[in-house]
């Protein structure tokens, strides 16, 4: 027997299909749901923990991507890195460091069409 995950009522009706799965609606509370949920996709806790340690110890997103085979835009768990108990506290400031994603512009842009002094 199918029961509502919200109010636990067994008075439910079929309510079409969504992404190939049967959709139900609870008559009592109006909640829509599917019968069986698939477990969440994502990276294991071990991969997340190791990625956090790498980030806290100074490795950039791209470096973590190369080592752990995790795309750099999906590394969202690094915001919690300061909560790790075994984070690295350097005693001295290193002379060499790693820098990721730096963009600069050197020089000045002049709009040649606007000032009329075009030397083409």
C-alpha atoms as a PDB file:
ATOM      1  CA  UNK A   1       0.000   0.000   0.000  1.00  0.00           C
ATOM      2  CA  UNK A   2       1.323   3.444  -0.913  1.00  0.00           C
ATOM      3  CA  UNK A   3       1.276   6.091   1.798  1.00  0.00           C
ATOM      4  CA  UNK A   4       1.941   9.825   1.726  1.00  0.00           C
ATOM      5  CA  UNK A   5       5.413  10.778   2.987  1.00  0.00           C
ATOM      6  CA  UNK A   6       3.960  13.956   4.532  1.00  0.00           C
ATOM      7  CA  UNK A   7       0.860  12.877   6.477  1.00  0.00           C
ATOM      8  CA  UNK A   8       1.181   9.057   6.218  1.00  0.00           C
ATOM      9  CA  UNK A   9      -2.322   8.775   4.746  1.00  0.00           C
ATOM     10  CA  UNK A  10      -3.055   5.819   2.475  1.00  0.00           C
ATOM     11  CA  UNK A  11      -5.755   7.738   0.561  1.00  0.00           C
ATOM     12  CA  UNK A  12      -3.682   8.595  -2.534  1.00  0.00           C
ATOM     13  CA  UNK A  13      -4.512   8.790  -6.246  1.00  0.00           C
ATOM     14  CA  UNK A  14      -2.379   8.400  -9.344  1.00  0.00           C
ATOM     15  CA  UNK A  15      -1.444  11.779 -10.825  1.00  0.00           C
ATOM     16  CA  UNK A  16       0.281  11.169 -14.163  1.00  0.00           C
ATOM     17  CA  UNK A  17       3.927  10.422 -14.887  1.00  0.00           C
ATOM     18  CA  UNK A  18       7.042  12.507 -14.396  1.00  0.00           C
ATOM     19  CA  UNK A  19      10.344  11.474 -15.996  1.00  0.00           C
ATOM     20  CA  UNK A  20       8.965   7.997 -16.629  1.00  0.00           C
ATOM     21  CA  UNK A  21       7.841   7.400 -13.003  1.00  0.00           C
ATOM     22  CA  UNK A  22       4.338   7.210 -11.626  1.00  0.00           C
ATOM     23  CA  UNK A  23       3.347  10.402  -9.806  1.00  0.00           C
ATOM     24  CA  UNK A  24       0.844  10.292  -6.911  1.00  0.00           C
ATOM     25  CA  UNK A  25      -1.169  12.930  -5.055  1.00  0.00           C
ATOM     26  CA  UNK A  26      -2.403  12.665  -1.488  1.00  0.00           C
ATOM     27  CA  UNK A  27      -6.145  13.346  -1.145  1.00  0.00           C
ATOM     28  CA  UNK A  28      -5.743  14.405   2.501  1.00  0.00           C
ATOM     29  CA  UNK A  29      -2.920  16.966   2.317  1.00  0.00           C
ATOM     30  CA  UNK A  30      -2.446  17.535  -1.456  1.00  0.00           C
ATOM     31  CA  UNK A  31       1.233  16.540  -1.475  1.00  0.00           C
ATOM     32  CA  UNK A  32       2.552  15.168  -4.786  1.00  0.00           C
ATOM     33  CA  UNK A  33       5.189  12.439  -4.655  1.00  0.00           C
ATOM     34  CA  UNK A  34       6.581   9.410  -6.471  1.00  0.00           C
ATOM     35  CA  UNK A  35       6.553   5.902  -5.066  1.00  0.00           C
ATOM     36  CA  UNK A  36      10.279   5.260  -4.833  1.00  0.00           C
ATOM     37  CA  UNK A  37      13.060   7.814  -4.651  1.00  0.00           C
ATOM     38  CA  UNK A  38      16.501   7.017  -5.970  1.00  0.00           C
ATOM     39  CA  UNK A  39      19.421   7.692  -3.652  1.00  0.00           C
ATOM     40  CA  UNK A  40      21.109  11.025  -4.187  1.00  0.00           C
ATOM     41  CA  UNK A  41      23.865  11.198  -6.732  1.00  0.00           C
ATOM     42  CA  UNK A  42      27.090  12.791  -5.715  1.00  0.00           C
ATOM     43  CA  UNK A  43      30.575  12.194  -4.433  1.00  0.00           C
ATOM     44  CA  UNK A  44      31.339   9.989  -1.455  1.00  0.00           C
ATOM     45  CA  UNK A  45      32.124  11.482   1.928  1.00  0.00           C
ATOM     46  CA  UNK A  46      35.747  10.282   1.595  1.00  0.00           C
ATOM     47  CA  UNK A  47      36.251  12.231  -1.651  1.00  0.00           C
ATOM     48  CA  UNK A  48      34.691  15.330  -0.079  1.00  0.00           C
ATOM     49  CA  UNK A  49      36.828  15.035   3.057  1.00  0.00           C
ATOM     50  CA  UNK A  50      40.044  14.608   1.070  1.00  0.00           C
ATOM     51  CA  UNK A  51      39.127  17.522  -1.210  1.00  0.00           C
ATOM     52  CA  UNK A  52      38.510  19.717   1.832  1.00  0.00           C
ATOM     53  CA  UNK A  53      41.864  18.804   3.325  1.00  0.00           C
ATOM     54  CA  UNK A  54      43.585  19.591   0.047  1.00  0.00           C
ATOM     55  CA  UNK A  55      41.842  22.985  -0.175  1.00  0.00           C
ATOM     56  CA  UNK A  56      42.625  23.934   3.422  1.00  0.00           C
ATOM     57  CA  UNK A  57      46.246  22.973   2.881  1.00  0.00           C
ATOM     58  CA  UNK A  58      46.567  25.431   0.020  1.00  0.00           C
ATOM     59  CA  UNK A  59      45.660  23.496  -3.113  1.00  0.00           C
ATOM     60  CA  UNK A  60      43.465  25.314  -5.631  1.00  0.00           C
ATOM     61  CA  UNK A  61      40.284  24.104  -7.320  1.00  0.00           C
ATOM     62  CA  UNK A  62      42.085  23.082 -10.508  1.00  0.00           C
ATOM     63  CA  UNK A  63      44.686  21.120  -8.541  1.00  0.00           C
ATOM     64  CA  UNK A  64      41.970  19.243  -6.660  1.00  0.00           C
ATOM     65  CA  UNK A  65      40.257  18.595 -10.003  1.00  0.00           C
ATOM     66  CA  UNK A  66      43.415  17.001 -11.426  1.00  0.00           C
ATOM     67  CA  UNK A  67      44.135  14.846  -8.378  1.00  0.00           C
ATOM     68  CA  UNK A  68      40.616  13.701  -7.441  1.00  0.00           C
ATOM     69  CA  UNK A  69      39.004  13.687 -10.939  1.00  0.00           C
ATOM     70  CA  UNK A  70      36.246  16.003  -9.676  1.00  0.00           C
ATOM     71  CA  UNK A  71      35.221  18.929 -11.891  1.00  0.00           C
ATOM     72  CA  UNK A  72      36.312  22.244 -10.348  1.00  0.00           C
ATOM     73  CA  UNK A  73      32.842  23.789 -10.578  1.00  0.00           C
ATOM     74  CA  UNK A  74      31.314  20.995  -8.504  1.00  0.00           C
ATOM     75  CA  UNK A  75      33.626  21.494  -5.546  1.00  0.00           C
ATOM     76  CA  UNK A  76      31.060  23.289  -3.416  1.00  0.00           C
ATOM     77  CA  UNK A  77      31.960  21.673  -0.130  1.00  0.00           C
ATOM     78  CA  UNK A  78      35.168  23.692   0.311  1.00  0.00           C
ATOM     79  CA  UNK A  79      33.211  26.459   2.077  1.00  0.00           C
ATOM     80  CA  UNK A  80      33.175  24.179   5.126  1.00  0.00           C
ATOM     81  CA  UNK A  81      36.947  23.691   5.053  1.00  0.00           C
ATOM     82  CA  UNK A  82      37.614  25.903   8.063  1.00  0.00           C
ATOM     83  CA  UNK A  83      35.635  23.468  10.239  1.00  0.00           C
ATOM     84  CA  UNK A  84      38.109  20.634   9.728  1.00  0.00           C
ATOM     85  CA  UNK A  85      40.030  19.834  12.924  1.00  0.00           C
ATOM     86  CA  UNK A  86      43.348  18.964  11.249  1.00  0.00           C
ATOM     87  CA  UNK A  87      43.769  22.016   9.039  1.00  0.00           C
ATOM     88  CA  UNK A  88      47.239  23.238   8.206  1.00  0.00           C
ATOM     89  CA  UNK A  89      48.563  26.231  10.159  1.00  0.00           C
ATOM     90  CA  UNK A  90      51.860  27.353   8.588  1.00  0.00           C
ATOM     91  CA  UNK A  91      54.562  28.605  10.952  1.00  0.00           C
ATOM     92  CA  UNK A  92      56.305  30.619   8.237  1.00  0.00           C
ATOM     93  CA  UNK A  93      55.008  32.229   5.081  1.00  0.00           C
ATOM     94  CA  UNK A  94      56.299  30.305   2.049  1.00  0.00           C
ATOM     95  CA  UNK A  95      58.240  32.124  -0.664  1.00  0.00           C
ATOM     96  CA  UNK A  96      56.570  30.196  -3.485  1.00  0.00           C
ATOM     97  CA  UNK A  97      52.818  29.865  -3.839  1.00  0.00           C
ATOM     98  CA  UNK A  98      50.167  28.662  -6.255  1.00  0.00           C
ATOM     99  CA  UNK A  99      47.816  31.090  -7.939  1.00  0.00           C
ATOM    100  CA  UNK A 100      44.645  30.017  -9.738  1.00  0.00           C
ATOM    101  CA  UNK A 101      42.346  31.879 -12.133  1.00  0.00           C
ATOM    102  CA  UNK A 102      44.189  35.218 -12.314  1.00  0.00           C
ATOM    103  CA  UNK A 103      43.255  37.604 -15.101  1.00  0.00           C
ATOM    104  CA  UNK A 104      44.809  41.019 -15.560  1.00  0.00           C
ATOM    105  CA  UNK A 105      44.916  43.693 -18.219  1.00  0.00           C
ATOM    106  CA  UNK A 106      48.108  45.669 -18.699  1.00  0.00           C
ATOM    107  CA  UNK A 107      48.048  48.823 -20.768  1.00  0.00           C
ATOM    108  CA  UNK A 108      45.292  51.209 -21.685  1.00  0.00           C
ATOM    109  CA  UNK A 109      42.392  50.798 -24.026  1.00  0.00           C
ATOM    110  CA  UNK A 110      41.769  53.711 -26.342  1.00  0.00           C
ATOM    111  CA  UNK A 111      38.751  53.928 -28.515  1.00  0.00           C
ATOM    112  CA  UNK A 112      40.332  55.064 -31.763  1.00  0.00           C
ATOM    113  CA  UNK A 113      37.019  55.682 -33.489  1.00  0.00           C
ATOM    114  CA  UNK A 114      35.874  58.150 -30.815  1.00  0.00           C
ATOM    115  CA  UNK A 115      38.901  60.466 -30.523  1.00  0.00           C
ATOM    116  CA  UNK A 116      39.407  61.018 -34.246  1.00  0.00           C
ATOM    117  CA  UNK A 117      43.199  60.646 -34.074  1.00  0.00           C
ATOM    118  CA  UNK A 118      43.348  57.272 -35.657  1.00  0.00           C
ATOM    119  CA  UNK A 119      46.795  56.423 -37.030  1.00  0.00           C
ATOM    120  CA  UNK A 120      45.954  53.354 -39.066  1.00  0.00           C
END
